[in-house]
Amino acid sequence: APAQRLLITEGAQHGLACILRAMTTRGDTLLADAVTYQGINALCRTLGLNLVGVDGDAEGMLPEALERACALHAPKALFLVPSIHNPTAITLGLKRRRALAEVIERQGLLLIEDDVYRPLLDDSLPSFAQLLPARTIHVTALSKCIAPGLRMGFVLAPEQWVADISATLRIDCWSISPLSALVATRLIEGGQAGAMVVAQREELRARQALLREQFGDLQVQASATAPHVWLHLPEPWRASSFAQTCQEHGVGLLPGVAFTLRQEH
């Protein structure tokens, strides 16, 4: 990545906040998966933005649904988590990525690509930042793949957006913590970061195997190295009562309503 297009933030969530404040105004509309990362929903609420869900299938967001949403809502941007989607654990295949990229290009959309889980994949597909470099603001971080306590996020933006995103970052905190940056730099340059990613991946693989064994015939969407799964509840369970019952038995989880943008989901 060209250094002049790269910004370092206090984690991916901070990066997303800086991007949205730089490129949107109150009342603008953003598109996202109909079931999506709860952090983007919270950010849009606090900034007065409309977040509209786009339908998908077992392979992720549907290009034709994105096309319809663009015609209906005239959105400012699209938010996607293409690798080990949070929360559904879907990774967009290459064919679906290219089909969505064609719609994004044709509609003149700006894409915010949240790719924090990408290093956990065994095999990485081309990112949207590679497929659509002029239309993609790419966000990643070290917390998911190395250590949650290392709050280091990275934003790779088209050149015309760098100054505005930098300005919002300075308003927030002047700069990121130099000490965190030094720790991250030494881990990367010394090779430990790469080894930690591999260790995280294998630990998650073991946990996913254990979960599949325990869940038996329950319908679960997962990925071999994902840090989360998406459980389809059997009848007669409903999300809120299921979450409460789990909590009473010492198991913490989030009900689907935390991630859904439309009530019928």
Protein backbone atom coordinates (compact mmCIF):
# COMPACT_ATOMS: atom_id res chain seq x y z
CA ALA A 1 0.00 0.00 0.00
CA PRO A 2 1.35 3.47 -0.82
CA ALA A 3 2.30 5.21 2.44
CA GLN A 4 0.56 8.43 1.41
CA ARG A 5 -2.80 6.59 1.28
CA LEU A 6 -2.44 4.78 4.62
CA LEU A 7 -3.75 6.09 7.96
CA ILE A 8 -3.25 4.48 11.37
CA THR A 9 -6.12 4.63 13.87
CA GLU A 10 -6.94 3.44 17.38
CA GLY A 11 -8.53 0.24 16.10
CA ALA A 12 -10.90 -0.54 13.22
CA GLN A 13 -13.97 0.93 14.96
CA HIS A 14 -12.16 4.26 15.32
CA GLY A 15 -11.21 4.02 11.66
CA LEU A 16 -14.86 3.51 10.68
CA ALA A 17 -15.91 6.48 12.83
CA CYS A 18 -13.31 8.73 11.17
CA ILE A 19 -14.38 7.60 7.69
CA LEU A 20 -18.08 8.20 8.31
CA ARG A 21 -17.52 11.63 9.82
CA ALA A 22 -15.26 12.60 6.92
CA MET A 23 -17.53 11.51 4.09
CA THR A 24 -21.12 11.83 5.32
CA THR A 25 -23.53 14.41 6.67
CA ARG A 26 -26.59 13.86 8.88
CA GLY A 27 -29.44 12.32 6.88
CA ASP A 28 -27.22 10.49 4.37
CA THR A 29 -27.98 6.83 3.62
CA LEU A 30 -25.55 3.93 3.86
CA LEU A 31 -26.20 0.40 2.63
CA ALA A 32 -25.08 -2.78 4.39
CA ASP A 33 -26.06 -6.43 4.66
CA ALA A 34 -29.55 -6.85 6.17
CA VAL A 35 -27.77 -8.68 9.01
CA THR A 36 -24.54 -6.83 9.75
CA TYR A 37 -21.85 -5.84 12.24
CA GLN A 38 -23.52 -4.08 15.17
CA GLY A 39 -20.74 -1.48 15.44
CA ILE A 40 -21.67 0.16 12.12
CA ASN A 41 -25.30 0.34 13.20
CA ALA A 42 -24.33 2.12 16.42
CA LEU A 43 -22.08 4.57 14.56
CA CYS A 44 -24.78 5.43 12.05
CA ARG A 45 -27.30 6.06 14.83
CA THR A 46 -24.98 8.46 16.65
CA LEU A 47 -24.18 10.34 13.42
CA GLY A 48 -27.81 10.60 12.26
CA LEU A 49 -27.25 8.39 9.22
CA ASN A 50 -29.80 6.02 7.69
CA LEU A 51 -28.49 2.45 7.51
CA VAL A 52 -30.48 0.34 5.05
CA GLY A 53 -30.22 -3.45 4.79
CA VAL A 54 -29.61 -5.23 1.47
CA ASP A 55 -30.81 -8.81 1.00
CA GLY A 56 -28.42 -11.70 0.55
CA ASP A 57 -28.28 -15.47 0.27
CA ALA A 58 -25.97 -18.21 1.54
CA GLU A 59 -23.10 -16.64 -0.47
CA GLY A 60 -23.56 -13.10 0.85
CA MET A 61 -25.06 -9.88 -0.48
CA LEU A 62 -27.01 -10.25 -3.75
CA PRO A 63 -25.81 -7.98 -6.60
CA GLU A 64 -29.37 -7.55 -7.92
CA ALA A 65 -30.58 -6.56 -4.43
CA LEU A 66 -27.74 -4.00 -4.23
CA GLU A 67 -28.79 -2.60 -7.61
CA ARG A 68 -32.40 -2.22 -6.40
CA ALA A 69 -31.30 -0.58 -3.14
CA CYS A 70 -29.20 1.95 -5.04
CA ALA A 71 -32.19 2.88 -7.21
CA LEU A 72 -34.47 3.24 -4.17
CA HIS A 73 -32.24 5.03 -1.69
CA ALA A 74 -29.49 6.95 -3.58
CA PRO A 75 -26.91 5.87 -0.94
CA LYS A 76 -23.71 7.70 -0.10
CA ALA A 77 -21.75 4.47 0.42
CA LEU A 78 -21.88 0.71 0.94
CA PHE A 79 -20.46 -1.09 4.00
CA LEU A 80 -19.27 -4.67 3.57
CA VAL A 81 -17.48 -7.28 5.71
CA PRO A 82 -16.33 -9.62 2.91
CA SER A 83 -14.18 -12.05 4.93
CA ILE A 84 -15.75 -14.12 7.74
CA HIS A 85 -18.67 -11.72 7.87
CA ASN A 86 -19.70 -10.56 11.32
CA PRO A 87 -22.03 -12.15 12.41
CA THR A 88 -22.98 -14.69 9.70
CA ALA A 89 -19.40 -15.99 9.09
CA ILE A 90 -19.93 -15.90 5.30
CA THR A 91 -16.88 -15.18 3.14
CA LEU A 92 -17.74 -13.73 -0.27
CA GLY A 93 -16.46 -15.93 -3.11
CA LEU A 94 -14.54 -14.45 -6.05
CA LYS A 95 -17.53 -14.63 -8.43
CA ARG A 96 -19.77 -12.77 -5.95
CA ARG A 97 -17.05 -10.19 -5.24
CA ARG A 98 -16.68 -9.42 -8.93
CA ALA A 99 -20.44 -9.21 -9.45
CA LEU A 100 -20.80 -6.77 -6.53
CA ALA A 101 -17.78 -4.79 -7.77
CA GLU A 102 -19.50 -4.34 -11.14
CA VAL A 103 -22.61 -2.91 -9.44
CA ILE A 104 -20.51 -0.62 -7.21
CA GLU A 105 -18.63 0.69 -10.25
CA ARG A 106 -21.76 1.14 -12.34
CA GLN A 107 -23.63 2.94 -9.55
CA GLY A 108 -20.68 5.18 -8.67
CA LEU A 109 -20.75 3.99 -5.04
CA LEU A 110 -18.03 4.39 -2.45
CA LEU A 111 -17.30 1.12 -0.63
CA ILE A 112 -16.19 0.84 3.00
CA GLU A 113 -14.53 -2.58 3.24
CA ASP A 114 -14.18 -3.84 6.83
CA ASP A 115 -11.68 -6.68 6.41
CA VAL A 116 -10.48 -7.24 9.99
CA TYR A 117 -10.98 -11.04 9.81
CA ARG A 118 -9.09 -11.51 6.54
CA PRO A 119 -5.77 -12.72 8.13
CA LEU A 120 -7.66 -15.56 9.86
CA LEU A 121 -8.61 -17.16 6.53
CA ASP A 122 -6.53 -20.08 5.28
CA ASP A 123 -6.72 -18.69 1.75
CA SER A 124 -7.39 -15.01 1.07
CA LEU A 125 -9.30 -13.87 -2.01
CA PRO A 126 -8.62 -10.51 -3.68
CA SER A 127 -9.92 -7.67 -1.51
CA PHE A 128 -12.23 -5.00 -2.89
CA ALA A 129 -9.32 -2.61 -2.39
CA GLN A 130 -7.56 -4.66 -5.10
CA LEU A 131 -10.64 -5.03 -7.33
CA LEU A 132 -11.81 -1.39 -6.97
CA PRO A 133 -8.91 0.68 -5.60
CA ALA A 134 -10.40 4.02 -6.65
CA ARG A 135 -13.76 3.31 -4.96
CA THR A 136 -12.75 1.41 -1.82
CA ILE A 137 -11.80 2.59 1.65
CA HIS A 138 -10.24 -0.50 3.20
CA VAL A 139 -10.22 -0.98 6.98
CA THR A 140 -8.29 -3.57 8.96
CA ALA A 141 -6.74 -3.96 12.41
CA LEU A 142 -4.55 -6.11 14.65
CA SER A 143 -7.12 -6.84 17.38
CA LYS A 144 -8.87 -9.79 15.69
CA CYS A 145 -5.81 -11.54 14.29
CA ILE A 146 -3.06 -10.78 16.85
CA ALA A 147 -4.31 -9.42 20.19
CA PRO A 148 -7.47 -7.53 21.29
CA GLY A 149 -5.40 -5.33 23.59
CA LEU A 150 -3.30 -3.97 20.71
CA ARG A 151 -5.60 -1.19 19.48
CA MET A 152 -4.10 -0.60 16.05
CA GLY A 153 -6.32 0.04 13.04
CA PHE A 154 -5.38 0.80 9.44
CA VAL A 155 -7.33 2.72 6.81
CA LEU A 156 -6.27 2.54 3.17
CA ALA A 157 -8.15 5.26 1.30
CA PRO A 158 -8.20 6.73 -2.21
CA GLU A 159 -6.02 9.83 -2.23
CA GLN A 160 -8.92 12.30 -2.40
CA TRP A 161 -10.24 11.10 0.99
CA VAL A 162 -6.98 10.95 2.95
CA ALA A 163 -6.88 14.58 4.10
CA ASP A 164 -10.49 14.59 5.34
CA ILE A 165 -10.10 11.30 7.24
CA SER A 166 -6.81 12.56 8.72
CA ALA A 167 -8.58 15.70 9.93
CA THR A 168 -11.23 13.71 11.80
CA LEU A 169 -8.52 11.58 13.40
CA ARG A 170 -6.69 14.69 14.65
CA ILE A 171 -9.95 16.03 16.10
CA ASP A 172 -10.38 12.77 18.03
CA CYS A 173 -6.90 12.22 19.47
CA TRP A 174 -4.23 14.24 17.58
CA SER A 175 -2.48 10.95 16.82
CA ILE A 176 -2.52 7.31 17.80
CA SER A 177 -0.41 6.10 20.72
CA PRO A 178 3.25 6.01 19.62
CA LEU A 179 3.93 3.27 22.17
CA SER A 180 1.27 0.98 20.63
CA ALA A 181 2.69 1.76 17.20
CA LEU A 182 6.19 0.79 18.38
CA VAL A 183 4.97 -2.51 19.87
CA ALA A 184 3.11 -3.34 16.63
CA THR A 185 6.08 -2.38 14.47
CA ARG A 186 8.46 -4.59 16.43
CA LEU A 187 6.04 -7.53 16.31
CA ILE A 188 5.67 -7.16 12.55
CA GLU A 189 9.34 -6.56 11.72
CA GLY A 190 10.53 -9.29 14.10
CA GLY A 191 8.22 -11.91 12.61
CA GLN A 192 6.27 -12.54 15.81
CA ALA A 193 3.09 -11.00 14.35
CA GLY A 194 2.98 -13.57 11.56
CA ALA A 195 3.50 -16.40 14.05
CA MET A 196 0.72 -15.01 16.28
CA VAL A 197 -1.72 -14.91 13.36
CA VAL A 198 -1.00 -18.57 12.65
CA ALA A 199 -1.43 -19.46 16.35
CA GLN A 200 -4.76 -17.59 16.51
CA ARG A 201 -5.95 -19.35 13.36
CA GLU A 202 -5.15 -22.80 14.75
CA GLU A 203 -6.72 -22.04 18.13
CA LEU A 204 -9.91 -20.90 16.38
CA ARG A 205 -9.87 -24.03 14.20
CA ALA A 206 -9.79 -26.18 17.36
CA ARG A 207 -12.62 -24.18 18.96
CA GLN A 208 -14.77 -24.44 15.84
CA ALA A 209 -14.26 -28.22 15.78
CA LEU A 210 -15.28 -28.44 19.44
CA LEU A 211 -18.36 -26.33 18.78
CA ARG A 212 -19.45 -28.51 15.82
CA GLU A 213 -19.07 -31.58 18.00
CA GLN A 214 -21.17 -30.07 20.81
CA PHE A 215 -23.89 -28.55 18.59
CA GLY A 216 -24.62 -31.81 16.79
CA ASP A 217 -27.51 -31.38 14.34
CA LEU A 218 -28.21 -27.72 15.09
CA GLN A 219 -28.13 -25.45 12.04
CA VAL A 220 -25.03 -23.29 12.34
CA GLN A 221 -23.29 -21.00 9.84
CA ALA A 222 -19.57 -21.04 10.52
CA SER A 223 -16.13 -20.82 8.99
CA ALA A 224 -13.25 -23.14 9.90
CA THR A 225 -11.21 -20.34 11.51
CA ALA A 226 -13.93 -17.82 12.49
CA PRO A 227 -14.08 -16.35 16.03
CA HIS A 228 -17.90 -16.53 15.93
CA VAL A 229 -20.81 -18.57 14.53
CA TRP A 230 -24.40 -17.78 13.52
CA LEU A 231 -26.96 -20.16 15.01
CA HIS A 232 -30.38 -20.65 13.40
CA LEU A 233 -32.66 -21.41 16.34
CA PRO A 234 -34.92 -24.45 16.15
CA GLU A 235 -38.62 -24.03 16.94
CA PRO A 236 -40.03 -22.94 19.34
CA TRP A 237 -37.05 -20.87 20.52
CA ARG A 238 -36.89 -17.10 19.98
CA ALA A 239 -33.70 -15.09 20.22
CA SER A 240 -34.39 -13.05 23.37
CA SER A 241 -35.65 -15.96 25.48
CA PHE A 242 -32.86 -18.21 24.20
CA ALA A 243 -30.19 -15.62 25.09
CA GLN A 244 -31.68 -15.17 28.55
CA THR A 245 -31.80 -18.93 29.19
CA CYS A 246 -28.17 -19.27 28.05
CA GLN A 247 -27.16 -16.44 30.36
CA GLU A 248 -28.84 -18.23 33.28
CA HIS A 249 -26.66 -21.26 32.48
CA GLY A 250 -23.44 -19.25 32.34
CA VAL A 251 -23.22 -18.92 28.55
CA GLY A 252 -22.95 -15.44 27.05
CA LEU A 253 -24.15 -14.75 23.52
CA LEU A 254 -25.78 -12.00 21.47
CA PRO A 255 -29.30 -12.43 20.04
CA GLY A 256 -29.78 -11.82 16.34
CA VAL A 257 -31.67 -8.58 16.95
CA ALA A 258 -28.33 -6.96 17.83
CA PHE A 259 -27.27 -7.37 14.18
CA THR A 260 -30.47 -7.01 12.15
CA LEU A 261 -31.51 -3.88 10.29
CA ARG A 262 -35.08 -5.03 9.59
CA GLN A 263 -37.60 -6.29 12.13
CA GLU A 264 -38.68 -9.35 10.11
CA HIS A 265 -35.21 -10.87 10.46
